[in-house]
Amino acid sequence: MRQNSRSARLQPRRPGFAAQTLCQLSLSFPPLIAPESESGYDIKNIFSVRAQAQCARQKAGQFREVRMLNSQTLMTKQQLADALAGFSQTLSQNYGNCENLVLVGIQRRGVDIARRVASMLNQRFGKNIPCGSLDITLYRDDWTTTGPKPQVAETNLPVSIEGKNVVLIDDVIFSGRTIRAALGALVDFGRPRKVELYALVDRGHRELPIHPDYTSLKIPTQREDMVDVRMVEHDGQDGVFLITV
């Protein structure tokens, strides 16, 4: 018998509710989680990680529609490598020998991208280009809604950014709110001469007047779509995928 909305709200959440709900759904509706897409990308991984939060926000029994998840490859491993190589070439053209240049990757995959680009520049110029990491969790405008214990990653700037040319690097730009938070976090460490932004993928739907100076791929998406950047450092593979429903 279905509970009314008031009694449902008053009930405490059970431990493992999201995982339990997901398990029940996968047993009841096998087509919901496809074992593998035509592109070879394992949709189960992306669904199991990201859909648990959605399952936790909804109650079992309220699902009236089962929608398939579809995966489209936007960048292969080689295309991703070519994109980063092209970006490093652009930086060398714009900044010469890259004096006073500091790369700062936004946690997490922005850091992986920044380190790869820095490695390419190091090989090109035979010197170490400063490359740091920036966590923006506590600078987000919604951080108070993320839970009592937000997950904060490492922030590490190896040199002072005072008077330097800083290039912020992220994997995907969406609403622009992550970049707004990153700018707020960055100025706590000094006043750069200039800040530019590189986003590997620009998927649109901006909510703030923020746009990347460099991007390797610009695609139209629906708001409910997901752009998943996979880096071998964290995910065991390289590639960019569009997940649609």
Protein backbone atom coordinates (compact mmCIF):
# COMPACT_ATOMS: atom_id res chain seq x y z
CA MET A 1 0.00 0.00 0.00
CA ARG A 2 1.43 3.37 -1.00
CA GLN A 3 2.44 5.72 1.80
CA ASN A 4 1.25 9.28 1.76
CA SER A 5 3.86 11.96 1.11
CA ARG A 6 3.87 13.27 4.69
CA SER A 7 4.61 9.92 6.32
CA ALA A 8 7.24 9.24 3.69
CA ARG A 9 9.02 12.48 4.51
CA LEU A 10 9.06 11.73 8.22
CA GLN A 11 10.67 8.34 7.84
CA PRO A 12 14.48 8.31 8.28
CA ARG A 13 16.51 7.05 5.38
CA ARG A 14 17.86 3.58 5.78
CA PRO A 15 21.62 2.85 5.34
CA GLY A 16 22.34 1.73 1.81
CA PHE A 17 18.96 2.96 0.58
CA ALA A 18 20.36 4.13 -2.76
CA ALA A 19 22.19 0.90 -3.45
CA GLN A 20 19.18 -1.17 -2.38
CA THR A 21 16.83 0.83 -4.60
CA LEU A 22 19.20 0.54 -7.54
CA CYS A 23 19.45 -3.21 -7.02
CA GLN A 24 15.68 -3.56 -6.93
CA LEU A 25 15.34 -1.55 -10.12
CA SER A 26 17.97 -3.57 -11.94
CA LEU A 27 16.21 -6.81 -10.96
CA SER A 28 12.77 -5.53 -11.90
CA PHE A 29 13.80 -3.82 -15.12
CA PRO A 30 16.83 -5.54 -16.69
CA PRO A 31 16.84 -3.31 -19.81
CA LEU A 32 17.50 -0.22 -17.64
CA ILE A 33 21.21 -1.05 -17.35
CA ALA A 34 22.73 -2.14 -20.63
CA PRO A 35 25.85 -4.29 -20.18
CA GLU A 36 27.71 -2.60 -23.00
CA SER A 37 26.98 -0.06 -25.69
CA GLU A 38 27.80 -0.37 -29.37
CA SER A 39 30.75 1.97 -28.83
CA GLY A 40 32.26 -0.43 -26.30
CA TYR A 41 31.70 1.91 -23.35
CA ASP A 42 30.39 0.26 -20.22
CA ILE A 43 27.22 2.16 -19.39
CA LYS A 44 26.79 0.18 -16.18
CA ASN A 45 29.71 2.01 -14.61
CA ILE A 46 28.38 5.49 -15.23
CA PHE A 47 24.86 4.54 -14.20
CA SER A 48 25.84 2.77 -11.01
CA VAL A 49 27.92 5.73 -9.83
CA ARG A 50 25.69 8.64 -10.79
CA ALA A 51 22.21 7.19 -10.61
CA GLN A 52 22.51 6.20 -6.95
CA ALA A 53 22.07 9.83 -5.92
CA GLN A 54 18.96 10.10 -8.05
CA CYS A 55 17.60 6.84 -6.66
CA ALA A 56 18.17 8.10 -3.12
CA ARG A 57 16.18 11.25 -3.79
CA GLN A 58 13.19 9.32 -5.03
CA LYS A 59 11.20 6.59 -3.33
CA ALA A 60 10.79 3.12 -4.66
CA GLY A 61 7.38 2.81 -6.23
CA GLN A 62 7.35 6.33 -7.61
CA PHE A 63 9.08 5.24 -10.81
CA ARG A 64 6.57 5.20 -13.61
CA GLU A 65 8.92 5.34 -16.57
CA VAL A 66 11.97 3.27 -17.51
CA ARG A 67 14.31 5.02 -19.92
CA MET A 68 17.28 3.51 -21.68
CA LEU A 69 20.74 5.02 -21.27
CA ASN A 70 22.63 5.47 -24.53
CA SER A 71 26.32 6.17 -24.96
CA GLN A 72 27.97 8.05 -27.81
CA THR A 73 31.74 8.34 -28.14
CA LEU A 74 32.76 11.96 -28.53
CA MET A 75 36.51 11.41 -28.33
CA THR A 76 38.55 8.26 -28.59
CA LYS A 77 41.83 7.82 -26.75
CA GLN A 78 43.77 9.08 -29.76
CA GLN A 79 41.46 12.03 -30.33
CA LEU A 80 41.80 13.04 -26.68
CA ALA A 81 45.60 12.89 -26.96
CA ASP A 82 45.49 14.97 -30.16
CA ALA A 83 43.24 17.56 -28.49
CA LEU A 84 45.64 18.04 -25.58
CA ALA A 85 48.62 18.17 -27.91
CA GLY A 86 46.87 20.86 -29.93
CA PHE A 87 46.14 22.86 -26.79
CA SER A 88 49.78 22.66 -25.67
CA GLN A 89 50.84 23.89 -29.11
CA THR A 90 48.44 26.84 -28.79
CA LEU A 91 49.89 27.75 -25.38
CA SER A 92 53.42 27.69 -26.76
CA GLN A 93 52.33 30.02 -29.57
CA ASN A 94 50.57 32.43 -27.21
CA TYR A 95 53.15 32.41 -24.41
CA GLY A 96 56.41 31.84 -26.25
CA ASN A 97 58.73 29.89 -23.96
CA CYS A 98 55.97 29.89 -21.30
CA GLU A 99 57.80 32.11 -18.83
CA ASN A 100 55.51 33.19 -15.98
CA LEU A 101 52.93 30.61 -17.04
CA VAL A 102 51.20 28.50 -14.39
CA LEU A 103 48.73 25.72 -15.18
CA VAL A 104 46.07 25.04 -12.56
CA GLY A 105 43.80 22.02 -12.90
CA ILE A 106 40.42 21.90 -11.17
CA GLN A 107 39.91 18.71 -9.19
CA ARG A 108 39.68 16.01 -10.33
CA ARG A 109 40.03 15.40 -14.04
CA GLY A 110 41.05 18.95 -14.73
CA VAL A 111 44.17 18.11 -12.73
CA ASP A 112 44.89 15.08 -14.93
CA ILE A 113 44.52 17.20 -18.06
CA ALA A 114 46.74 19.97 -16.66
CA ARG A 115 49.50 17.52 -15.78
CA ARG A 116 49.48 16.00 -19.25
CA VAL A 117 49.64 19.41 -20.91
CA ALA A 118 52.44 20.49 -18.55
CA SER A 119 54.37 17.32 -19.46
CA MET A 120 54.07 18.16 -23.17
CA LEU A 121 55.32 21.70 -22.56
CA ASN A 122 58.17 20.41 -20.40
CA GLN A 123 59.33 18.18 -23.25
CA ARG A 124 59.01 21.02 -25.75
CA PHE A 125 60.97 23.61 -23.75
CA GLY A 126 63.15 21.39 -21.60
CA LYS A 127 62.02 22.94 -18.32
CA ASN A 128 59.34 22.41 -15.70
CA ILE A 129 56.17 24.40 -16.22
CA PRO A 130 54.49 24.94 -12.83
CA CYS A 131 51.34 22.87 -12.57
CA GLY A 132 49.01 22.93 -9.59
CA SER A 133 45.69 21.55 -8.43
CA LEU A 134 42.69 23.46 -7.10
CA ASP A 135 39.72 22.17 -5.11
CA ILE A 136 36.67 24.42 -5.26
CA THR A 137 34.28 22.48 -2.99
CA LEU A 138 34.00 25.10 -0.24
CA TYR A 139 33.73 27.93 -2.77
CA ARG A 140 30.67 26.53 -4.52
CA ASP A 141 27.43 28.46 -4.10
CA ASP A 142 25.67 25.20 -3.23
CA TRP A 143 28.23 23.65 -0.90
CA THR A 144 25.91 23.85 2.11
CA THR A 145 23.49 21.49 0.35
CA THR A 146 26.05 18.79 -0.43
CA GLY A 147 25.80 17.19 3.01
CA PRO A 148 27.32 17.59 6.47
CA LYS A 149 30.77 16.37 5.34
CA PRO A 150 31.63 17.65 1.85
CA GLN A 151 34.48 15.80 0.19
CA VAL A 152 37.41 18.18 -0.12
CA ALA A 153 40.32 17.24 -2.37
CA GLU A 154 43.87 18.63 -2.44
CA THR A 155 44.76 22.18 -3.39
CA ASN A 156 48.43 22.54 -4.25
CA LEU A 157 49.94 25.53 -6.02
CA PRO A 158 53.70 24.89 -6.35
CA VAL A 159 54.57 28.55 -6.95
CA SER A 160 53.10 31.93 -6.16
CA ILE A 161 50.55 33.05 -8.75
CA GLU A 162 51.13 36.74 -7.96
CA GLY A 163 51.69 38.52 -11.27
CA LYS A 164 51.68 35.24 -13.24
CA ASN A 165 49.73 34.15 -16.29
CA VAL A 166 47.40 31.45 -15.00
CA VAL A 167 45.50 29.00 -17.18
CA LEU A 168 42.64 27.27 -15.36
CA ILE A 169 41.92 23.82 -16.77
CA ASP A 170 38.77 21.74 -16.43
CA ASP A 171 37.32 18.77 -18.26
CA VAL A 172 33.77 20.03 -18.95
CA ILE A 173 32.17 23.45 -18.71
CA PHE A 174 28.42 23.42 -18.14
CA SER A 175 26.62 26.08 -16.08
CA GLY A 176 29.83 28.03 -15.35
CA ARG A 177 29.37 27.79 -11.60
CA THR A 178 32.43 25.59 -11.09
CA ILE A 179 34.58 28.19 -12.84
CA ARG A 180 33.09 31.01 -10.77
CA ALA A 181 34.03 29.05 -7.66
CA ALA A 182 37.51 28.37 -9.04
CA LEU A 183 38.14 32.07 -9.62
CA GLY A 184 37.08 32.80 -6.05
CA ALA A 185 39.44 30.14 -4.73
CA LEU A 186 42.31 31.26 -6.94
CA VAL A 187 42.41 34.88 -5.80
CA ASP A 188 42.85 33.71 -2.22
CA PHE A 189 46.38 32.73 -3.26
CA GLY A 190 47.34 35.99 -4.95
CA ARG A 191 46.55 38.38 -7.79
CA PRO A 192 47.52 36.87 -11.15
CA ARG A 193 48.44 39.09 -14.06
CA LYS A 194 45.91 37.26 -16.22
CA VAL A 195 43.64 34.23 -15.92
CA GLU A 196 42.50 32.21 -18.91
CA LEU A 197 40.30 29.14 -19.07
CA TYR A 198 40.62 25.89 -20.99
CA ALA A 199 37.74 23.39 -21.01
CA LEU A 200 38.18 20.17 -22.90
CA VAL A 201 34.44 20.05 -23.65
CA ASP A 202 31.94 22.90 -23.76
CA ARG A 203 28.43 21.45 -23.51
CA GLY A 204 26.52 24.73 -23.25
CA HIS A 205 23.67 25.67 -20.88
CA ARG A 206 25.57 28.49 -19.19
CA GLU A 207 23.95 30.12 -16.15
CA LEU A 208 26.68 32.73 -15.65
CA PRO A 209 28.52 34.97 -18.15
CA ILE A 210 31.59 32.72 -18.20
CA HIS A 211 33.11 31.27 -21.36
CA PRO A 212 36.37 29.40 -22.02
CA ASP A 213 39.25 31.02 -23.87
CA TYR A 214 40.20 27.61 -25.26
CA THR A 215 38.16 24.50 -25.87
CA SER A 216 38.74 21.35 -27.87
CA LEU A 217 35.13 20.27 -28.40
CA LYS A 218 31.88 22.22 -28.35
CA ILE A 219 28.69 20.18 -28.55
CA PRO A 220 24.96 20.80 -28.12
CA THR A 221 23.42 18.77 -25.30
CA GLN A 222 20.20 18.44 -23.37
CA ARG A 223 20.36 19.51 -19.73
CA GLU A 224 19.68 15.96 -18.52
CA ASP A 225 22.52 14.52 -20.62
CA MET A 226 25.87 13.69 -19.05
CA VAL A 227 29.29 14.29 -20.60
CA ASP A 228 31.69 11.80 -19.08
CA VAL A 229 35.42 12.43 -19.47
CA ARG A 230 37.43 9.32 -18.72
CA MET A 231 41.11 9.63 -17.81
CA VAL A 232 43.33 6.61 -17.38
CA GLU A 233 44.72 8.07 -14.14
CA HIS A 234 41.33 7.67 -12.44
CA ASP A 235 39.18 5.57 -14.75
CA GLY A 236 41.53 3.08 -16.39
CA GLN A 237 40.77 4.40 -19.88
CA ASP A 238 40.88 7.58 -21.95
CA GLY A 239 37.87 8.92 -23.83
CA VAL A 240 34.94 11.29 -23.79
CA PHE A 241 31.37 9.99 -23.89
CA LEU A 242 27.92 11.53 -24.13
CA ILE A 243 25.33 9.71 -22.02
CA THR A 244 21.76 10.38 -23.10
CA VAL A 245 18.38 9.07 -21.97
